[in-house]
Amino acid sequence: MINKAFFEYANEVAEDRGIDVTDVYESFKKGLMNSFKKEFGHSSCEVVIDPDHHEISMYSVHVVVAAYSEELEEGAMAEMLLEDAKKIKSTYKVGDIVKQAINIKEFNRTLAAATKSVFTQGNRTRQREVAYDYFKELENEMVRGTVTNIKENYVMIDLGRGVVTSIPKSELLPNDNPQLGDPINVYIRKVEMTTKEPKVSVSRTDRALVTRLMENYIPEIKSGVIEIKGIARDPGDRSKIALYSNDPHVDAIGSCVGEGGSRIREIVNALGGEKVDLYKWSEVPEELISNSLQPANVTKVLSVDVKNKSSVVVVPNEHLSLAIGKSGQNVRLAVQSCGWKIDIMSVSEAYEKGFLI
């Protein structure tokens, strides 16, 4: 049967659902074979789809036997008695395979509907599988979606490939104010297959989102010239990032800030105004700890305990509140990003306790 319209439709379905056109053909084959079984009582048939000639062929398949078997195993080929086979072609003998063309157009409406149902369901199943495989590869990565619905406790986001996910308000940033149709960057935490579609769990509060944004906007990080050695985050408020350059000719901080602050501004905007502090990583503990407390100045780093990774830091009196930060934020993010415990005291306190002479 020549059916150019079917092949055009198959290509449209494949493109629309992001699947290979051969998967559409396989779904259609399965539908035809199910309909064949309902019509003839067995599934011993062959379907040939030839896209080059826009042709679909179907055949019943029998093995020639001297006498019928008492019971056919599941999936076994249907049988045809030798005397019946010889009516078709006199040279047939036991063990030969008889293939007879089936006129697909003769299938009644019920069978046609069944074929269409299996075909449609098969395509949906394959679409889900393809979408799952695609997003599973993107687990722990950042993707860009589109806001499609806004509810009281969550926001719906279209991720493409037929997958729509919801992000709880708790996983949005405090400054986020998504509107319908807005593009939005999200971090994929987990992808699971369900009976309906892949379940993609996303977040904007995960600190890894900042890492992915840095990779996206700063080529030197994407290429590995600059490494993110440590990162800490209060989502929506502030992130603190330790950077290291593997090339002595590349300034890690300057490259990430960009000309006129262009690069870091893109990242801050993508994070809804969240501040991003950058500092230089060092293998020398005193330098690393001192750098981590920026923008506060450090007078001296004392009592460096390498085994327990703890230290005492002295800062100018006027920088004590800056070093600690509001509600202890600056020192907390410094500790989390550099990996060292830091006790802070002012110069005055250090003299009083004998740390400075």
Protein backbone atom coordinates (compact mmCIF):
# COMPACT_ATOMS: atom_id res chain seq x y z
CA MET A 1 0.00 0.00 0.00
CA ILE A 2 1.42 3.38 -1.03
CA ASN A 3 0.61 6.09 1.50
CA LYS A 4 2.66 9.26 1.10
CA ALA A 5 0.48 11.09 3.65
CA PHE A 6 1.43 8.60 6.37
CA PHE A 7 5.15 9.24 5.92
CA GLU A 8 4.60 12.99 5.96
CA TYR A 9 2.59 12.62 9.17
CA ALA A 10 5.26 10.34 10.70
CA ASN A 11 7.94 12.96 10.06
CA GLU A 12 5.76 15.66 11.62
CA VAL A 13 5.12 13.54 14.72
CA ALA A 14 8.82 12.76 15.13
CA GLU A 15 9.84 16.40 14.81
CA ASP A 16 7.08 17.65 17.10
CA ARG A 17 7.83 15.13 19.86
CA GLY A 18 11.60 15.10 19.55
CA ILE A 19 11.88 11.42 18.66
CA ASP A 20 13.42 9.53 15.74
CA VAL A 21 11.08 8.83 12.85
CA THR A 22 12.04 5.14 13.00
CA ASP A 23 10.42 5.05 16.45
CA VAL A 24 7.20 6.30 14.85
CA TYR A 25 7.43 3.50 12.29
CA GLU A 26 7.93 0.90 15.03
CA SER A 27 4.88 2.18 16.93
CA PHE A 28 2.80 1.92 13.77
CA LYS A 29 4.09 -1.61 13.12
CA LYS A 30 3.07 -2.62 16.61
CA GLY A 31 -0.40 -1.19 16.07
CA LEU A 32 -0.87 -3.09 12.83
CA MET A 33 0.36 -6.33 14.37
CA ASN A 34 -2.07 -5.98 17.29
CA SER A 35 -4.93 -5.41 14.85
CA PHE A 36 -3.80 -8.43 12.81
CA LYS A 37 -3.92 -10.62 15.92
CA LYS A 38 -7.50 -9.52 16.69
CA GLU A 39 -8.53 -10.26 13.09
CA PHE A 40 -6.76 -13.61 12.58
CA GLY A 41 -6.29 -14.94 16.11
CA HIS A 42 -2.48 -15.03 16.00
CA SER A 43 0.38 -12.54 15.66
CA SER A 44 2.41 -14.40 13.05
CA CYS A 45 2.79 -11.55 10.62
CA GLU A 46 5.37 -9.24 9.13
CA VAL A 47 5.09 -5.51 8.49
CA VAL A 48 7.48 -3.79 6.09
CA ILE A 49 7.68 0.02 6.01
CA ASP A 50 9.60 1.47 3.08
CA PRO A 51 9.97 5.27 3.47
CA ASP A 52 11.97 5.54 0.23
CA HIS A 53 8.96 4.43 -1.81
CA HIS A 54 6.27 5.59 0.66
CA GLU A 55 5.03 2.01 0.87
CA ILE A 56 3.61 -0.09 3.71
CA SER A 57 3.31 -3.87 3.25
CA MET A 58 1.88 -6.52 5.55
CA TYR A 59 2.12 -10.30 5.33
CA SER A 60 0.73 -13.25 7.22
CA VAL A 61 3.47 -15.78 7.91
CA HIS A 62 2.97 -19.56 8.28
CA VAL A 63 5.21 -22.56 8.48
CA VAL A 64 4.13 -25.58 6.42
CA VAL A 65 3.40 -28.69 8.54
CA ALA A 66 2.15 -32.22 7.91
CA ALA A 67 -0.20 -31.97 10.90
CA TYR A 68 -1.09 -29.21 13.36
CA SER A 69 0.75 -29.14 16.68
CA GLU A 70 -1.35 -29.89 19.73
CA GLU A 71 -0.34 -26.57 21.31
CA LEU A 72 1.73 -23.69 19.96
CA GLU A 73 4.21 -21.98 22.23
CA GLU A 74 3.81 -18.28 22.87
CA GLY A 75 5.29 -16.34 19.96
CA ALA A 76 5.59 -19.43 17.73
CA MET A 77 4.89 -19.08 14.02
CA ALA A 78 1.38 -19.97 12.83
CA GLU A 79 1.03 -23.28 11.00
CA MET A 80 -0.43 -24.21 7.62
CA LEU A 81 -1.16 -27.75 6.50
CA LEU A 82 0.82 -28.98 3.52
CA GLU A 83 -2.34 -29.60 1.48
CA ASP A 84 -3.46 -25.99 2.00
CA ALA A 85 -0.02 -24.65 1.17
CA LYS A 86 0.02 -26.60 -2.12
CA LYS A 87 -3.18 -24.82 -3.13
CA ILE A 88 -1.17 -21.62 -3.03
CA LYS A 89 1.95 -23.02 -4.69
CA SER A 90 2.41 -26.67 -5.67
CA THR A 91 6.13 -26.73 -4.85
CA TYR A 92 5.64 -26.01 -1.12
CA LYS A 93 6.93 -28.72 1.23
CA VAL A 94 6.93 -29.26 5.00
CA GLY A 95 9.14 -26.70 6.76
CA ASP A 96 8.72 -23.99 4.10
CA ILE A 97 7.54 -20.52 5.06
CA VAL A 98 4.42 -19.15 3.41
CA LYS A 99 4.07 -15.37 3.24
CA GLN A 100 0.79 -13.94 2.01
CA ALA A 101 0.15 -10.28 1.41
CA ILE A 102 -2.57 -8.68 3.53
CA ASN A 103 -4.64 -5.79 2.23
CA ILE A 104 -4.36 -3.29 5.07
CA LYS A 105 -7.29 -1.30 3.68
CA GLU A 106 -9.59 -4.26 4.39
CA PHE A 107 -9.17 -3.88 8.15
CA ASN A 108 -12.51 -2.78 9.53
CA ARG A 109 -13.02 0.47 11.46
CA THR A 110 -12.66 -1.15 14.86
CA LEU A 111 -9.30 -2.60 13.93
CA ALA A 112 -8.22 0.66 12.33
CA ALA A 113 -9.10 2.48 15.55
CA ALA A 114 -7.16 -0.09 17.58
CA THR A 115 -4.17 0.35 15.29
CA LYS A 116 -4.31 4.13 15.71
CA SER A 117 -4.63 3.77 19.50
CA VAL A 118 -1.57 1.54 19.79
CA PHE A 119 0.29 3.77 17.34
CA THR A 120 -0.47 6.90 19.37
CA GLN A 121 0.30 5.23 22.70
CA GLY A 122 3.53 3.82 21.32
CA ASN A 123 4.66 7.24 20.19
CA ARG A 124 3.81 8.76 23.56
CA THR A 125 5.73 6.03 25.35
CA ARG A 126 8.75 6.54 23.13
CA GLN A 127 8.50 10.30 23.57
CA ARG A 128 8.58 9.84 27.35
CA GLU A 129 11.58 7.52 27.09
CA VAL A 130 13.49 9.93 24.85
CA ALA A 131 12.63 12.88 27.12
CA TYR A 132 13.73 10.90 30.20
CA ASP A 133 17.05 9.96 28.61
CA TYR A 134 17.60 13.57 27.55
CA PHE A 135 16.94 15.11 30.97
CA LYS A 136 18.68 12.29 32.85
CA GLU A 137 21.85 13.35 31.01
CA LEU A 138 21.22 16.89 32.28
CA GLU A 139 20.92 15.86 35.92
CA ASN A 140 23.11 18.22 38.01
CA GLU A 141 23.13 20.73 35.14
CA MET A 142 21.42 24.05 34.47
CA VAL A 143 18.68 24.40 31.86
CA ARG A 144 16.57 27.30 30.64
CA GLY A 145 12.81 26.91 30.74
CA THR A 146 9.72 29.08 30.26
CA VAL A 147 7.18 30.01 32.93
CA THR A 148 3.76 28.65 31.89
CA ASN A 149 1.65 28.97 35.04
CA ILE A 150 1.90 30.63 38.43
CA LYS A 151 0.17 29.19 41.50
CA GLU A 152 0.20 30.19 45.14
CA ASN A 153 2.84 27.68 46.22
CA TYR A 154 4.59 26.77 42.98
CA VAL A 155 5.42 27.85 39.45
CA MET A 156 5.03 25.68 36.34
CA ILE A 157 7.97 25.65 33.93
CA ASP A 158 8.08 24.22 30.40
CA LEU A 159 11.50 22.57 29.96
CA GLY A 160 10.88 21.52 26.36
CA ARG A 161 10.57 18.02 24.82
CA GLY A 162 7.04 17.77 26.17
CA VAL A 163 8.14 18.03 29.82
CA VAL A 164 6.58 20.56 32.20
CA THR A 165 7.78 20.67 35.80
CA SER A 166 6.80 22.60 38.90
CA ILE A 167 9.20 24.45 41.15
CA PRO A 168 8.03 25.09 44.75
CA LYS A 169 8.16 28.69 45.91
CA SER A 170 10.67 27.47 48.53
CA GLU A 171 13.10 26.65 45.70
CA LEU A 172 12.75 30.11 44.14
CA LEU A 173 14.86 33.06 45.20
CA PRO A 174 13.35 35.76 47.45
CA ASN A 175 13.71 38.35 44.68
CA ASP A 176 12.24 36.11 41.98
CA ASN A 177 9.05 37.48 40.48
CA PRO A 178 8.34 35.23 37.50
CA GLN A 179 5.71 36.25 34.97
CA LEU A 180 3.98 34.14 32.34
CA GLY A 181 6.26 33.59 29.36
CA ASP A 182 9.43 34.59 31.24
CA PRO A 183 12.60 32.56 30.56
CA ILE A 184 14.09 31.12 33.75
CA ASN A 185 17.33 29.29 34.58
CA VAL A 186 16.92 26.28 36.87
CA TYR A 187 19.23 23.59 38.22
CA ILE A 188 18.14 19.96 37.67
CA ARG A 189 18.55 18.04 40.91
CA LYS A 190 16.90 14.75 40.02
CA VAL A 191 15.13 13.03 37.11
CA GLU A 192 12.77 10.09 37.61
CA MET A 193 10.51 8.16 35.23
CA THR A 194 6.81 8.00 36.10
CA THR A 195 3.85 6.36 34.37
CA LYS A 196 2.90 9.71 32.80
CA GLU A 197 6.12 11.55 31.99
CA PRO A 198 9.63 12.12 33.37
CA LYS A 199 9.57 13.91 36.73
CA VAL A 200 12.25 16.60 36.73
CA SER A 201 12.99 18.19 40.12
CA VAL A 202 14.48 21.67 39.75
CA SER A 203 15.79 24.42 42.01
CA ARG A 204 17.07 27.98 41.96
CA THR A 205 18.44 27.87 45.50
CA ASP A 206 21.04 25.14 44.97
CA ARG A 207 24.56 26.54 45.11
CA ALA A 208 25.44 24.47 42.04
CA LEU A 209 23.23 26.84 40.02
CA VAL A 210 25.80 29.57 40.67
CA THR A 211 28.57 27.25 39.47
CA ARG A 212 26.68 26.50 36.24
CA LEU A 213 26.00 30.20 35.64
CA MET A 214 29.71 30.95 36.13
CA GLU A 215 30.54 28.25 33.58
CA ASN A 216 27.95 29.64 31.21
CA TYR A 217 29.09 33.27 31.28
CA ILE A 218 32.82 32.82 31.84
CA PRO A 219 34.63 30.80 29.13
CA GLU A 220 37.79 30.47 31.24
CA ILE A 221 35.81 28.49 33.84
CA LYS A 222 34.11 26.36 31.18
CA SER A 223 37.50 25.50 29.67
CA GLY A 224 39.14 24.76 33.03
CA VAL A 225 41.67 27.62 32.90
CA ILE A 226 39.97 28.99 36.02
CA GLU A 227 38.67 26.65 38.72
CA ILE A 228 36.00 27.19 41.33
CA LYS A 229 37.71 25.78 44.41
CA GLY A 230 34.98 26.56 46.90
CA ILE A 231 31.52 28.06 46.97
CA ALA A 232 29.03 28.99 49.67
CA ARG A 233 25.63 30.57 49.28
CA ASP A 234 22.74 32.24 51.04
CA PRO A 235 20.26 31.93 48.14
CA GLY A 236 18.94 35.25 46.94
CA ASP A 237 21.24 37.24 49.22
CA ARG A 238 24.93 36.46 48.75
CA SER A 239 27.36 33.91 47.35
CA LYS A 240 31.07 33.69 48.11
CA ILE A 241 33.32 31.94 45.61
CA ALA A 242 37.00 30.93 45.78
CA LEU A 243 38.75 31.03 42.39
CA TYR A 244 42.07 29.65 41.18
CA SER A 245 43.81 30.24 37.85
CA ASN A 246 45.79 27.40 36.29
CA ASP A 247 47.46 29.94 34.00
CA PRO A 248 49.75 32.52 35.66
CA HIS A 249 48.92 34.92 32.84
CA VAL A 250 45.17 34.79 33.57
CA ASP A 251 43.76 36.81 36.45
CA ALA A 252 41.01 34.68 38.00
CA ILE A 253 39.15 37.54 39.64
CA GLY A 254 39.50 39.98 36.75
CA SER A 255 38.37 37.41 34.18
CA CYS A 256 35.25 36.58 36.17
CA VAL A 257 34.36 40.20 36.84
CA GLY A 258 34.80 41.09 33.17
CA GLU A 259 35.36 44.46 31.54
CA GLY A 260 33.46 47.05 33.49
CA GLY A 261 31.91 44.24 35.59
CA SER A 262 30.01 42.94 32.56
CA ARG A 263 30.38 39.22 33.28
CA ILE A 264 29.61 39.24 36.97
CA ARG A 265 26.68 41.57 36.31
CA GLU A 266 25.13 38.97 33.99
CA ILE A 267 25.39 36.38 36.75
CA VAL A 268 23.97 38.70 39.40
CA ASN A 269 21.03 39.51 37.11
CA ALA A 270 20.41 35.82 36.46
CA LEU A 271 20.29 35.32 40.24
CA GLY A 272 17.72 38.06 40.76
CA GLY A 273 20.19 40.54 42.24
CA GLU A 274 22.01 38.12 44.55
CA LYS A 275 25.44 39.56 45.44
CA VAL A 276 28.46 37.50 44.38
CA ASP A 277 31.78 37.88 46.26
CA LEU A 278 34.88 36.54 44.53
CA TYR A 279 38.23 35.87 46.16
CA LYS A 280 41.52 34.24 45.21
CA TRP A 281 42.21 30.69 46.33
CA SER A 282 45.63 29.94 47.79
CA GLU A 283 47.39 26.80 48.95
CA VAL A 284 48.91 28.90 51.75
CA PRO A 285 46.38 28.72 54.62
CA GLU A 286 47.08 32.23 55.91
CA GLU A 287 46.49 33.75 52.48
CA LEU A 288 43.40 31.65 51.79
CA ILE A 289 41.77 32.50 55.12
CA SER A 290 42.61 36.17 54.78
CA ASN A 291 41.22 36.30 51.22
CA SER A 292 38.04 34.50 52.22
CA LEU A 293 37.06 37.27 54.64
CA GLN A 294 37.03 39.95 51.97
CA PRO A 295 35.86 42.69 51.73
CA ALA A 296 37.19 43.03 55.30
CA ASN A 297 40.89 43.68 55.80
CA VAL A 298 42.87 41.21 57.89
CA THR A 299 45.69 42.26 60.21
CA LYS A 300 47.03 38.80 60.90
CA VAL A 301 46.10 35.12 60.75
CA LEU A 302 47.18 33.29 63.91
CA SER A 303 47.03 29.83 65.45
CA VAL A 304 46.79 27.98 62.14
CA ASP A 305 46.03 24.34 62.98
CA VAL A 306 46.49 22.42 59.72
CA LYS A 307 45.29 19.11 61.17
CA ASN A 308 41.99 20.48 62.43
CA LYS A 309 41.83 23.23 59.80
CA SER A 310 41.15 25.94 62.37
CA SER A 311 42.54 29.45 62.80
CA VAL A 312 42.31 32.74 64.68
CA VAL A 313 42.08 35.90 62.61
CA VAL A 314 42.79 39.43 63.81
CA VAL A 315 41.12 42.31 61.99
CA PRO A 316 41.27 46.10 62.46
CA ASN A 317 38.78 47.35 65.04
CA GLU A 318 36.81 49.22 62.39
CA HIS A 319 36.57 46.07 60.21
CA LEU A 320 35.30 43.70 62.88
CA SER A 321 31.62 44.03 61.97
CA LEU A 322 32.47 43.82 58.25
CA ALA A 323 34.53 40.66 58.75
CA ILE A 324 31.77 39.00 60.74
CA GLY A 325 28.98 40.33 58.55
CA LYS A 326 25.30 40.79 59.24
CA SER A 327 24.11 37.91 61.42
CA GLY A 328 27.58 36.37 60.93
CA GLN A 329 27.02 35.91 57.21
CA ASN A 330 30.47 36.95 55.93
CA VAL A 331 32.49 34.70 58.22
CA ARG A 332 30.01 31.83 57.80
CA LEU A 333 30.26 31.95 54.00
CA ALA A 334 34.04 32.30 54.29
CA VAL A 335 34.23 29.16 56.44
CA GLN A 336 31.98 27.19 54.09
CA SER A 337 33.83 28.23 50.93
CA CYS A 338 37.44 27.89 52.13
CA GLY A 339 36.92 24.90 54.42
CA TRP A 340 38.66 26.41 57.48
CA LYS A 341 37.16 27.20 60.86
CA ILE A 342 37.74 30.88 61.57
CA ASP A 343 37.58 32.66 64.93
CA ILE A 344 37.67 36.44 64.55
CA MET A 345 38.81 39.09 67.01
CA SER A 346 39.63 42.78 66.76
CA VAL A 347 43.13 44.20 67.19
CA SER A 348 42.17 45.56 70.61
CA GLU A 349 40.95 42.16 71.79
CA ALA A 350 44.05 40.47 70.42
CA TYR A 351 46.30 42.79 72.48
CA GLU A 352 44.17 42.22 75.57
CA LYS A 353 44.44 38.42 75.20
CA GLY A 354 48.13 38.51 74.38
CA PHE A 355 47.82 37.37 70.78
CA LEU A 356 49.57 40.56 69.72
CA ILE A 357 52.43 42.25 71.57
